[in-house]
Amino acid sequence: MKNQLLVWLTTLLIINLCVETFGVQLETLTIYDIQHPTDTQLADASYIGDSQYDGQMVNCAGGTVIHKFRGGKITLFDPAQSQGWGGLVVKDLSDNWDLFDGVQLGDWVSFENILVNEYNGNTQLEFTDTSGDFHITPGHSLPSPIIVSTSDLSAPADNENIGGVDLTMEKYEAMYLKVEGVTVGTMDLGRKDDNYELNSPDGTCWGADYMSTTKGVNYHPLIQPGQAYESISGILEQSYKNDWNYFQLLTTGDGDIVPGPEPLSCALLLLGTGIIFRRRQI
């Protein structure tokens, strides 16, 4: 019995030494920890927004599922970070979509042993058949969109922005945002010709609808050039590929698009002022 106990204690000691030596034990990180850059990254002029944990296996404390998109993509939000660095995309690469089919909107999902990977400028977790365990706690509230200015999500200069990234926008990556008092301007922009301008007195940002339309359809039917909107909401995504580098506000459904009131006609306006014109008889 003593020999068995000695063997067991020795085994535990070896395991602990291996964990300490080779870093097998993974620290649990928040979405903020994964998304927020280090001081060294911020001081580097060539920094493009990649996570400090890119390419590493981590445990993640997770967040609330606020959106599910075809292709196995899930967007998480941590309400403790509502001012920035609180959103993250998880990609389900498992054969049977165990994660994607297993979670619902409002579920809090956390992960063990999952890969951090940068994809087209966006930080995401990658769940596979061989890496990544998840745990679900249902019943969490879905967030209201965070109101930002169009100047916070500035469109690329000359419809193209090669190199460099504005960290004012980077901190909002994968977060649910709203811009108010905007008008749709030029359309057919971006690397897939499916972006459009959202103009306001504060500036211009770019929107897109591929999360709220059927595959192959560029624009939501409520998006029309020249149309004024009370607000447009969506999830912010970076598109960094083939010399393109810009952020786009992706609408997720009809409720994200709130048209403004129709302008009054001249006749109604004049009637409201009490001015009546009569045709002069000749």
C-alpha atoms as a PDB file:
ATOM      1  CA  MET A   1       0.000   0.000   0.000  1.00  0.00           C
ATOM      2  CA  LYS A   2       2.831   2.345   0.912  1.00  0.00           C
ATOM      3  CA  ASN A   3       4.553   1.542  -2.368  1.00  0.00           C
ATOM      4  CA  GLN A   4       1.360   2.350  -4.317  1.00  0.00           C
ATOM      5  CA  LEU A   5       0.992   5.642  -2.453  1.00  0.00           C
ATOM      6  CA  LEU A   6       4.632   6.482  -3.173  1.00  0.00           C
ATOM      7  CA  VAL A   7       4.137   5.754  -6.891  1.00  0.00           C
ATOM      8  CA  TRP A   8       0.990   7.917  -6.975  1.00  0.00           C
ATOM      9  CA  LEU A   9       2.682  10.870  -5.272  1.00  0.00           C
ATOM     10  CA  THR A  10       5.709  10.543  -7.549  1.00  0.00           C
ATOM     11  CA  THR A  11       3.449  10.565 -10.600  1.00  0.00           C
ATOM     12  CA  LEU A  12       1.698  13.726  -9.404  1.00  0.00           C
ATOM     13  CA  LEU A  13       5.037  15.385  -8.805  1.00  0.00           C
ATOM     14  CA  ILE A  14       6.209  14.529 -12.330  1.00  0.00           C
ATOM     15  CA  ILE A  15       2.973  15.852 -13.836  1.00  0.00           C
ATOM     16  CA  ASN A  16       3.294  19.107 -11.917  1.00  0.00           C
ATOM     17  CA  LEU A  17       6.904  19.487 -12.993  1.00  0.00           C
ATOM     18  CA  CYS A  18       5.911  18.926 -16.640  1.00  0.00           C
ATOM     19  CA  VAL A  19       3.128  21.516 -16.356  1.00  0.00           C
ATOM     20  CA  GLU A  20       5.486  24.089 -14.871  1.00  0.00           C
ATOM     21  CA  THR A  21       8.309  23.293 -17.287  1.00  0.00           C
ATOM     22  CA  PHE A  22       6.436  22.979 -20.575  1.00  0.00           C
ATOM     23  CA  GLY A  23       3.476  25.257 -19.926  1.00  0.00           C
ATOM     24  CA  VAL A  24       0.819  22.561 -20.381  1.00  0.00           C
ATOM     25  CA  GLN A  25      -1.520  24.219 -17.894  1.00  0.00           C
ATOM     26  CA  LEU A  26      -3.386  27.054 -19.611  1.00  0.00           C
ATOM     27  CA  GLU A  27      -4.350  30.294 -17.924  1.00  0.00           C
ATOM     28  CA  THR A  28      -7.989  31.284 -18.342  1.00  0.00           C
ATOM     29  CA  LEU A  29      -8.220  34.517 -20.358  1.00  0.00           C
ATOM     30  CA  THR A  30     -11.082  36.959 -20.830  1.00  0.00           C
ATOM     31  CA  ILE A  31     -12.075  38.283 -24.254  1.00  0.00           C
ATOM     32  CA  TYR A  32     -10.376  41.540 -23.245  1.00  0.00           C
ATOM     33  CA  ASP A  33      -7.132  39.681 -22.484  1.00  0.00           C
ATOM     34  CA  ILE A  34      -7.178  38.053 -25.935  1.00  0.00           C
ATOM     35  CA  GLN A  35      -8.172  41.173 -27.875  1.00  0.00           C
ATOM     36  CA  HIS A  36      -6.269  43.975 -26.150  1.00  0.00           C
ATOM     37  CA  PRO A  37      -2.728  44.646 -27.454  1.00  0.00           C
ATOM     38  CA  THR A  38       0.331  44.820 -25.232  1.00  0.00           C
ATOM     39  CA  ASP A  39       2.221  48.061 -24.612  1.00  0.00           C
ATOM     40  CA  THR A  40       4.956  46.745 -26.917  1.00  0.00           C
ATOM     41  CA  GLN A  41       2.457  46.170 -29.730  1.00  0.00           C
ATOM     42  CA  LEU A  42       0.964  49.639 -29.271  1.00  0.00           C
ATOM     43  CA  ALA A  43       4.431  51.203 -29.501  1.00  0.00           C
ATOM     44  CA  ASP A  44       5.204  49.335 -32.731  1.00  0.00           C
ATOM     45  CA  ALA A  45       4.371  51.420 -35.806  1.00  0.00           C
ATOM     46  CA  SER A  46       3.883  48.229 -37.857  1.00  0.00           C
ATOM     47  CA  TYR A  47       1.309  46.744 -35.471  1.00  0.00           C
ATOM     48  CA  ILE A  48      -1.800  45.689 -37.413  1.00  0.00           C
ATOM     49  CA  GLY A  49      -4.097  44.591 -34.602  1.00  0.00           C
ATOM     50  CA  ASP A  50      -3.166  40.923 -34.106  1.00  0.00           C
ATOM     51  CA  SER A  51      -3.768  39.310 -30.729  1.00  0.00           C
ATOM     52  CA  GLN A  52      -0.727  38.742 -28.539  1.00  0.00           C
ATOM     53  CA  TYR A  53      -1.965  35.134 -28.286  1.00  0.00           C
ATOM     54  CA  ASP A  54      -2.144  34.527 -32.042  1.00  0.00           C
ATOM     55  CA  GLY A  55      -1.249  30.902 -32.773  1.00  0.00           C
ATOM     56  CA  GLN A  56      -1.516  29.809 -29.132  1.00  0.00           C
ATOM     57  CA  MET A  57      -3.861  27.432 -27.323  1.00  0.00           C
ATOM     58  CA  VAL A  58      -5.783  29.135 -24.509  1.00  0.00           C
ATOM     59  CA  ASN A  59      -8.652  28.765 -22.087  1.00  0.00           C
ATOM     60  CA  CYS A  60     -11.251  31.512 -22.540  1.00  0.00           C
ATOM     61  CA  ALA A  61     -13.771  32.666 -19.939  1.00  0.00           C
ATOM     62  CA  GLY A  62     -16.027  33.426 -22.906  1.00  0.00           C
ATOM     63  CA  GLY A  63     -19.071  35.599 -23.370  1.00  0.00           C
ATOM     64  CA  THR A  64     -22.716  35.725 -24.420  1.00  0.00           C
ATOM     65  CA  VAL A  65     -23.653  34.443 -27.882  1.00  0.00           C
ATOM     66  CA  ILE A  66     -25.133  37.487 -29.670  1.00  0.00           C
ATOM     67  CA  HIS A  67     -25.067  36.218 -33.254  1.00  0.00           C
ATOM     68  CA  LYS A  68     -24.787  32.996 -35.262  1.00  0.00           C
ATOM     69  CA  PHE A  69     -23.862  33.200 -38.929  1.00  0.00           C
ATOM     70  CA  ARG A  70     -23.831  30.584 -41.669  1.00  0.00           C
ATOM     71  CA  GLY A  71     -20.517  28.834 -42.014  1.00  0.00           C
ATOM     72  CA  GLY A  72     -20.234  28.061 -38.312  1.00  0.00           C
ATOM     73  CA  LYS A  73     -19.355  31.562 -37.053  1.00  0.00           C
ATOM     74  CA  ILE A  74     -20.448  32.677 -33.587  1.00  0.00           C
ATOM     75  CA  THR A  75     -20.020  36.153 -32.103  1.00  0.00           C
ATOM     76  CA  LEU A  76     -19.473  36.486 -28.341  1.00  0.00           C
ATOM     77  CA  PHE A  77     -19.835  39.592 -26.168  1.00  0.00           C
ATOM     78  CA  ASP A  78     -18.500  40.205 -22.666  1.00  0.00           C
ATOM     79  CA  PRO A  79     -20.747  42.821 -20.977  1.00  0.00           C
ATOM     80  CA  ALA A  80     -17.928  43.696 -18.591  1.00  0.00           C
ATOM     81  CA  GLN A  81     -16.181  45.331 -21.580  1.00  0.00           C
ATOM     82  CA  SER A  82     -18.972  47.338 -23.167  1.00  0.00           C
ATOM     83  CA  GLN A  83     -16.660  50.253 -24.033  1.00  0.00           C
ATOM     84  CA  GLY A  84     -14.279  48.203 -26.165  1.00  0.00           C
ATOM     85  CA  TRP A  85     -12.232  45.011 -26.528  1.00  0.00           C
ATOM     86  CA  GLY A  86     -15.305  42.986 -25.549  1.00  0.00           C
ATOM     87  CA  GLY A  87     -16.217  41.094 -28.734  1.00  0.00           C
ATOM     88  CA  LEU A  88     -14.797  37.905 -30.250  1.00  0.00           C
ATOM     89  CA  VAL A  89     -15.649  35.534 -33.089  1.00  0.00           C
ATOM     90  CA  VAL A  90     -15.508  31.757 -32.675  1.00  0.00           C
ATOM     91  CA  LYS A  91     -15.262  29.577 -35.790  1.00  0.00           C
ATOM     92  CA  ASP A  92     -16.634  26.023 -35.561  1.00  0.00           C
ATOM     93  CA  LEU A  93     -14.420  23.835 -37.753  1.00  0.00           C
ATOM     94  CA  SER A  94     -15.672  20.527 -36.357  1.00  0.00           C
ATOM     95  CA  ASP A  95     -17.114  17.980 -38.773  1.00  0.00           C
ATOM     96  CA  ASN A  96     -20.566  17.980 -37.175  1.00  0.00           C
ATOM     97  CA  TRP A  97     -20.699  21.595 -35.989  1.00  0.00           C
ATOM     98  CA  ASP A  98     -21.035  20.450 -32.391  1.00  0.00           C
ATOM     99  CA  LEU A  99     -20.455  23.958 -31.082  1.00  0.00           C
ATOM    100  CA  PHE A 100     -22.515  25.906 -33.628  1.00  0.00           C
ATOM    101  CA  ASP A 101     -25.540  23.623 -33.336  1.00  0.00           C
ATOM    102  CA  GLY A 102     -25.155  23.271 -29.584  1.00  0.00           C
ATOM    103  CA  VAL A 103     -25.404  26.939 -28.585  1.00  0.00           C
ATOM    104  CA  GLN A 104     -28.256  29.429 -28.800  1.00  0.00           C
ATOM    105  CA  LEU A 105     -28.489  33.215 -28.606  1.00  0.00           C
ATOM    106  CA  GLY A 106     -28.172  34.261 -24.970  1.00  0.00           C
ATOM    107  CA  ASP A 107     -25.971  31.308 -23.981  1.00  0.00           C
ATOM    108  CA  TRP A 108     -22.763  32.123 -22.136  1.00  0.00           C
ATOM    109  CA  VAL A 109     -20.043  29.931 -23.649  1.00  0.00           C
ATOM    110  CA  SER A 110     -16.561  29.355 -22.237  1.00  0.00           C
ATOM    111  CA  PHE A 111     -13.730  27.296 -23.731  1.00  0.00           C
ATOM    112  CA  GLU A 112     -10.796  25.128 -22.790  1.00  0.00           C
ATOM    113  CA  ASN A 113      -7.779  24.352 -24.970  1.00  0.00           C
ATOM    114  CA  ILE A 114      -8.836  26.358 -28.013  1.00  0.00           C
ATOM    115  CA  LEU A 115      -6.689  28.014 -30.690  1.00  0.00           C
ATOM    116  CA  VAL A 116      -6.410  31.792 -31.182  1.00  0.00           C
ATOM    117  CA  ASN A 117      -6.008  32.639 -34.870  1.00  0.00           C
ATOM    118  CA  GLU A 118      -5.980  35.832 -36.945  1.00  0.00           C
ATOM    119  CA  TYR A 119      -8.148  35.669 -40.062  1.00  0.00           C
ATOM    120  CA  ASN A 120      -8.400  38.584 -42.508  1.00  0.00           C
ATOM    121  CA  GLY A 121      -7.515  40.974 -39.696  1.00  0.00           C
ATOM    122  CA  ASN A 122      -9.986  39.541 -37.185  1.00  0.00           C
ATOM    123  CA  THR A 123      -9.057  37.709 -34.006  1.00  0.00           C
ATOM    124  CA  GLN A 124     -10.998  34.482 -33.636  1.00  0.00           C
ATOM    125  CA  LEU A 125     -11.048  31.247 -31.674  1.00  0.00           C
ATOM    126  CA  GLU A 126     -11.059  28.029 -33.713  1.00  0.00           C
ATOM    127  CA  PHE A 127     -13.004  25.043 -32.386  1.00  0.00           C
ATOM    128  CA  THR A 128     -12.154  21.658 -33.971  1.00  0.00           C
ATOM    129  CA  ASP A 129     -12.794  17.967 -33.402  1.00  0.00           C
ATOM    130  CA  THR A 130      -9.393  17.608 -31.736  1.00  0.00           C
ATOM    131  CA  SER A 131      -9.064  20.869 -29.815  1.00  0.00           C
ATOM    132  CA  GLY A 132     -11.523  22.896 -27.809  1.00  0.00           C
ATOM    133  CA  ASP A 133     -14.017  21.959 -25.117  1.00  0.00           C
ATOM    134  CA  PHE A 134     -16.933  24.292 -24.430  1.00  0.00           C
ATOM    135  CA  HIS A 135     -19.282  24.869 -21.524  1.00  0.00           C
ATOM    136  CA  ILE A 136     -22.713  26.539 -21.747  1.00  0.00           C
ATOM    137  CA  THR A 137     -24.669  28.602 -19.227  1.00  0.00           C
ATOM    138  CA  PRO A 138     -28.011  29.652 -20.797  1.00  0.00           C
ATOM    139  CA  GLY A 139     -30.288  32.591 -20.125  1.00  0.00           C
ATOM    140  CA  HIS A 140     -28.135  35.698 -20.483  1.00  0.00           C
ATOM    141  CA  SER A 141     -29.501  38.999 -21.799  1.00  0.00           C
ATOM    142  CA  LEU A 142     -28.671  40.112 -25.320  1.00  0.00           C
ATOM    143  CA  PRO A 143     -26.986  43.522 -25.452  1.00  0.00           C
ATOM    144  CA  SER A 144     -28.317  46.715 -26.964  1.00  0.00           C
ATOM    145  CA  PRO A 145     -25.998  48.150 -29.614  1.00  0.00           C
ATOM    146  CA  ILE A 146     -23.329  50.560 -28.412  1.00  0.00           C
ATOM    147  CA  ILE A 147     -23.881  54.015 -29.942  1.00  0.00           C
ATOM    148  CA  VAL A 148     -20.794  55.340 -31.738  1.00  0.00           C
ATOM    149  CA  SER A 149     -20.093  58.120 -34.219  1.00  0.00           C
ATOM    150  CA  THR A 150     -19.347  57.544 -37.881  1.00  0.00           C
ATOM    151  CA  SER A 151     -16.030  59.242 -37.134  1.00  0.00           C
ATOM    152  CA  ASP A 152     -15.213  56.365 -34.741  1.00  0.00           C
ATOM    153  CA  LEU A 153     -15.462  53.936 -37.680  1.00  0.00           C
ATOM    154  CA  SER A 154     -13.861  56.036 -40.391  1.00  0.00           C
ATOM    155  CA  ALA A 155     -14.010  54.774 -43.964  1.00  0.00           C
ATOM    156  CA  PRO A 156     -10.709  54.221 -45.813  1.00  0.00           C
ATOM    157  CA  ALA A 157      -9.318  57.199 -47.702  1.00  0.00           C
ATOM    158  CA  ASP A 158      -9.873  57.031 -51.463  1.00  0.00           C
ATOM    159  CA  ASN A 159     -11.898  53.830 -50.973  1.00  0.00           C
ATOM    160  CA  GLU A 160      -8.734  51.923 -50.131  1.00  0.00           C
ATOM    161  CA  ASN A 161      -6.415  51.853 -47.140  1.00  0.00           C
ATOM    162  CA  ILE A 162      -3.238  49.816 -47.456  1.00  0.00           C
ATOM    163  CA  GLY A 163      -1.328  49.191 -44.233  1.00  0.00           C
ATOM    164  CA  GLY A 164      -1.838  50.559 -40.756  1.00  0.00           C
ATOM    165  CA  VAL A 165      -4.904  50.214 -38.584  1.00  0.00           C
ATOM    166  CA  ASP A 166      -6.806  52.728 -36.479  1.00  0.00           C
ATOM    167  CA  LEU A 167      -6.950  51.322 -32.946  1.00  0.00           C
ATOM    168  CA  THR A 168     -10.022  53.446 -32.292  1.00  0.00           C
ATOM    169  CA  MET A 169     -11.788  51.004 -34.600  1.00  0.00           C
ATOM    170  CA  GLU A 170      -9.786  47.926 -33.611  1.00  0.00           C
ATOM    171  CA  LYS A 171     -11.146  48.034 -30.065  1.00  0.00           C
ATOM    172  CA  TYR A 172     -14.699  47.691 -31.457  1.00  0.00           C
ATOM    173  CA  GLU A 173     -13.913  44.546 -33.483  1.00  0.00           C
ATOM    174  CA  ALA A 174     -16.741  41.959 -33.224  1.00  0.00           C
ATOM    175  CA  MET A 175     -18.853  44.308 -31.091  1.00  0.00           C
ATOM    176  CA  TYR A 176     -22.488  45.274 -31.714  1.00  0.00           C
ATOM    177  CA  LEU A 177     -22.611  48.991 -32.608  1.00  0.00           C
ATOM    178  CA  LYS A 178     -25.053  51.646 -33.794  1.00  0.00           C
ATOM    179  CA  VAL A 179     -24.568  54.813 -35.845  1.00  0.00           C
ATOM    180  CA  GLU A 180     -27.373  57.364 -35.913  1.00  0.00           C
ATOM    181  CA  GLY A 181     -28.598  59.978 -38.395  1.00  0.00           C
ATOM    182  CA  VAL A 182     -26.879  58.505 -41.435  1.00  0.00           C
ATOM    183  CA  THR A 183     -27.564  58.514 -45.176  1.00  0.00           C
ATOM    184  CA  VAL A 184     -26.447  55.860 -47.651  1.00  0.00           C
ATOM    185  CA  GLY A 185     -23.999  57.294 -50.170  1.00  0.00           C
ATOM    186  CA  THR A 186     -21.811  55.560 -52.733  1.00  0.00           C
ATOM    187  CA  MET A 187     -22.369  51.804 -53.084  1.00  0.00           C
ATOM    188  CA  ASP A 188     -20.477  48.866 -54.637  1.00  0.00           C
ATOM    189  CA  LEU A 189     -17.311  49.571 -52.645  1.00  0.00           C
ATOM    190  CA  GLY A 190     -14.686  47.321 -51.031  1.00  0.00           C
ATOM    191  CA  ARG A 191     -12.886  44.203 -52.158  1.00  0.00           C
ATOM    192  CA  LYS A 192     -16.169  42.397 -52.892  1.00  0.00           C
ATOM    193  CA  ASP A 193     -18.103  45.420 -54.232  1.00  0.00           C
ATOM    194  CA  ASP A 194     -20.699  44.984 -51.489  1.00  0.00           C
ATOM    195  CA  ASN A 195     -19.923  47.916 -49.189  1.00  0.00           C
ATOM    196  CA  TYR A 196     -21.713  51.259 -49.018  1.00  0.00           C
ATOM    197  CA  GLU A 197     -21.047  54.606 -47.391  1.00  0.00           C
ATOM    198  CA  LEU A 198     -22.912  55.685 -44.281  1.00  0.00           C
ATOM    199  CA  ASN A 199     -22.627  59.461 -44.182  1.00  0.00           C
ATOM    200  CA  SER A 200     -23.381  61.800 -41.299  1.00  0.00           C
ATOM    201  CA  PRO A 201     -22.215  65.314 -40.355  1.00  0.00           C
ATOM    202  CA  ASP A 202     -19.506  63.633 -38.234  1.00  0.00           C
ATOM    203  CA  GLY A 203     -17.967  61.659 -41.079  1.00  0.00           C
ATOM    204  CA  THR A 204     -18.310  58.517 -43.166  1.00  0.00           C
ATOM    205  CA  CYS A 205     -18.065  54.813 -42.327  1.00  0.00           C
ATOM    206  CA  TRP A 206     -18.765  51.691 -44.353  1.00  0.00           C
ATOM    207  CA  GLY A 207     -21.617  49.232 -44.009  1.00  0.00           C
ATOM    208  CA  ALA A 208     -22.340  45.819 -45.531  1.00  0.00           C
ATOM    209  CA  ASP A 209     -25.168  43.283 -45.342  1.00  0.00           C
ATOM    210  CA  TYR A 210     -23.764  39.824 -45.993  1.00  0.00           C
ATOM    211  CA  MET A 211     -24.807  38.710 -42.489  1.00  0.00           C
ATOM    212  CA  SER A 212     -28.431  39.711 -43.121  1.00  0.00           C
ATOM    213  CA  THR A 213     -28.985  38.558 -46.715  1.00  0.00           C
ATOM    214  CA  THR A 214     -29.030  35.253 -48.553  1.00  0.00           C
ATOM    215  CA  LYS A 215     -25.734  34.120 -50.022  1.00  0.00           C
ATOM    216  CA  GLY A 216     -24.940  35.936 -53.252  1.00  0.00           C
ATOM    217  CA  VAL A 217     -27.212  38.935 -52.530  1.00  0.00           C
ATOM    218  CA  ASN A 218     -25.150  42.051 -51.859  1.00  0.00           C
ATOM    219  CA  TYR A 219     -27.615  44.387 -50.154  1.00  0.00           C
ATOM    220  CA  HIS A 220     -30.490  44.185 -47.717  1.00  0.00           C
ATOM    221  CA  PRO A 221     -33.694  45.450 -49.428  1.00  0.00           C
ATOM    222  CA  LEU A 222     -34.021  48.255 -46.861  1.00  0.00           C
ATOM    223  CA  ILE A 223     -30.642  49.676 -47.903  1.00  0.00           C
ATOM    224  CA  GLN A 224     -31.155  52.177 -50.727  1.00  0.00           C
ATOM    225  CA  PRO A 225     -28.779  54.855 -52.084  1.00  0.00           C
ATOM    226  CA  GLY A 226     -29.723  58.334 -50.905  1.00  0.00           C
ATOM    227  CA  GLN A 227     -32.006  56.997 -48.176  1.00  0.00           C
ATOM    228  CA  ALA A 228     -31.766  58.615 -44.736  1.00  0.00           C
ATOM    229  CA  TYR A 229     -31.843  56.389 -41.658  1.00  0.00           C
ATOM    230  CA  GLU A 230     -32.601  57.038 -38.044  1.00  0.00           C
ATOM    231  CA  SER A 231     -29.965  54.419 -37.255  1.00  0.00           C
ATOM    232  CA  ILE A 232     -27.980  51.501 -38.649  1.00  0.00           C
ATOM    233  CA  SER A 233     -26.674  48.806 -36.280  1.00  0.00           C
ATOM    234  CA  GLY A 234     -24.387  45.857 -36.834  1.00  0.00           C
ATOM    235  CA  ILE A 235     -21.328  43.876 -35.827  1.00  0.00           C
ATOM    236  CA  LEU A 236     -18.001  45.461 -36.739  1.00  0.00           C
ATOM    237  CA  GLU A 237     -15.628  43.367 -38.833  1.00  0.00           C
ATOM    238  CA  GLN A 238     -12.245  44.101 -40.357  1.00  0.00           C
ATOM    239  CA  SER A 239     -11.487  43.142 -43.950  1.00  0.00           C
ATOM    240  CA  TYR A 240      -7.733  42.870 -44.361  1.00  0.00           C
ATOM    241  CA  LYS A 241      -6.839  40.973 -47.509  1.00  0.00           C
ATOM    242  CA  ASN A 242      -5.382  41.527 -50.980  1.00  0.00           C
ATOM    243  CA  ASP A 243      -4.167  45.076 -50.164  1.00  0.00           C
ATOM    244  CA  TRP A 244      -7.548  46.037 -48.721  1.00  0.00           C
ATOM    245  CA  ASN A 245      -7.767  47.095 -45.088  1.00  0.00           C
ATOM    246  CA  TYR A 246     -11.027  48.563 -43.798  1.00  0.00           C
ATOM    247  CA  PHE A 247     -13.759  48.076 -41.218  1.00  0.00           C
ATOM    248  CA  GLN A 248     -17.388  47.380 -42.092  1.00  0.00           C
ATOM    249  CA  LEU A 249     -20.539  47.533 -39.973  1.00  0.00           C
ATOM    250  CA  LEU A 250     -22.434  44.317 -40.763  1.00  0.00           C
ATOM    251  CA  THR A 251     -26.204  44.452 -40.318  1.00  0.00           C
ATOM    252  CA  THR A 252     -27.630  41.246 -38.845  1.00  0.00           C
ATOM    253  CA  GLY A 253     -31.346  41.588 -39.646  1.00  0.00           C
ATOM    254  CA  ASP A 254     -34.294  43.880 -40.384  1.00  0.00           C
ATOM    255  CA  GLY A 255     -34.218  45.346 -36.881  1.00  0.00           C
ATOM    256  CA  ASP A 256     -30.744  46.775 -37.452  1.00  0.00           C
ATOM    257  CA  ILE A 257     -32.005  49.088 -40.218  1.00  0.00           C
ATOM    258  CA  VAL A 258     -34.297  51.922 -39.073  1.00  0.00           C
ATOM    259  CA  PRO A 259     -35.243  54.291 -41.928  1.00  0.00           C
ATOM    260  CA  GLY A 260     -35.751  57.959 -41.131  1.00  0.00           C
ATOM    261  CA  PRO A 261     -39.096  59.762 -41.624  1.00  0.00           C
ATOM    262  CA  GLU A 262     -40.093  60.563 -45.171  1.00  0.00           C
ATOM    263  CA  PRO A 263     -39.549  64.256 -46.060  1.00  0.00           C
ATOM    264  CA  LEU A 264     -42.678  66.376 -46.253  1.00  0.00           C
ATOM    265  CA  SER A 265     -43.811  67.336 -49.740  1.00  0.00           C
ATOM    266  CA  CYS A 266     -43.807  71.012 -50.723  1.00  0.00           C
ATOM    267  CA  ALA A 267     -47.610  71.045 -50.830  1.00  0.00           C
ATOM    268  CA  LEU A 268     -47.947  69.721 -47.305  1.00  0.00           C
ATOM    269  CA  LEU A 269     -45.264  72.102 -46.077  1.00  0.00           C
ATOM    270  CA  LEU A 270     -47.007  75.123 -47.582  1.00  0.00           C
ATOM    271  CA  LEU A 271     -50.371  73.997 -46.260  1.00  0.00           C
ATOM    272  CA  GLY A 272     -48.875  73.732 -42.805  1.00  0.00           C
ATOM    273  CA  THR A 273     -47.731  77.369 -42.986  1.00  0.00           C
ATOM    274  CA  GLY A 274     -51.178  78.558 -44.093  1.00  0.00           C
ATOM    275  CA  ILE A 275     -49.941  79.814 -47.487  1.00  0.00           C
ATOM    276  CA  ILE A 276     -52.402  79.208 -50.332  1.00  0.00           C
ATOM    277  CA  PHE A 277     -51.649  79.955 -53.955  1.00  0.00           C
ATOM    278  CA  ARG A 278     -54.487  80.620 -56.407  1.00  0.00           C
ATOM    279  CA  ARG A 279     -54.223  80.509 -60.190  1.00  0.00           C
ATOM    280  CA  ARG A 280     -54.732  83.948 -61.675  1.00  0.00           C
ATOM    281  CA  GLN A 281     -57.544  84.105 -64.184  1.00  0.00           C
ATOM    282  CA  ILE A 282     -56.741  85.860 -67.471  1.00  0.00           C
END
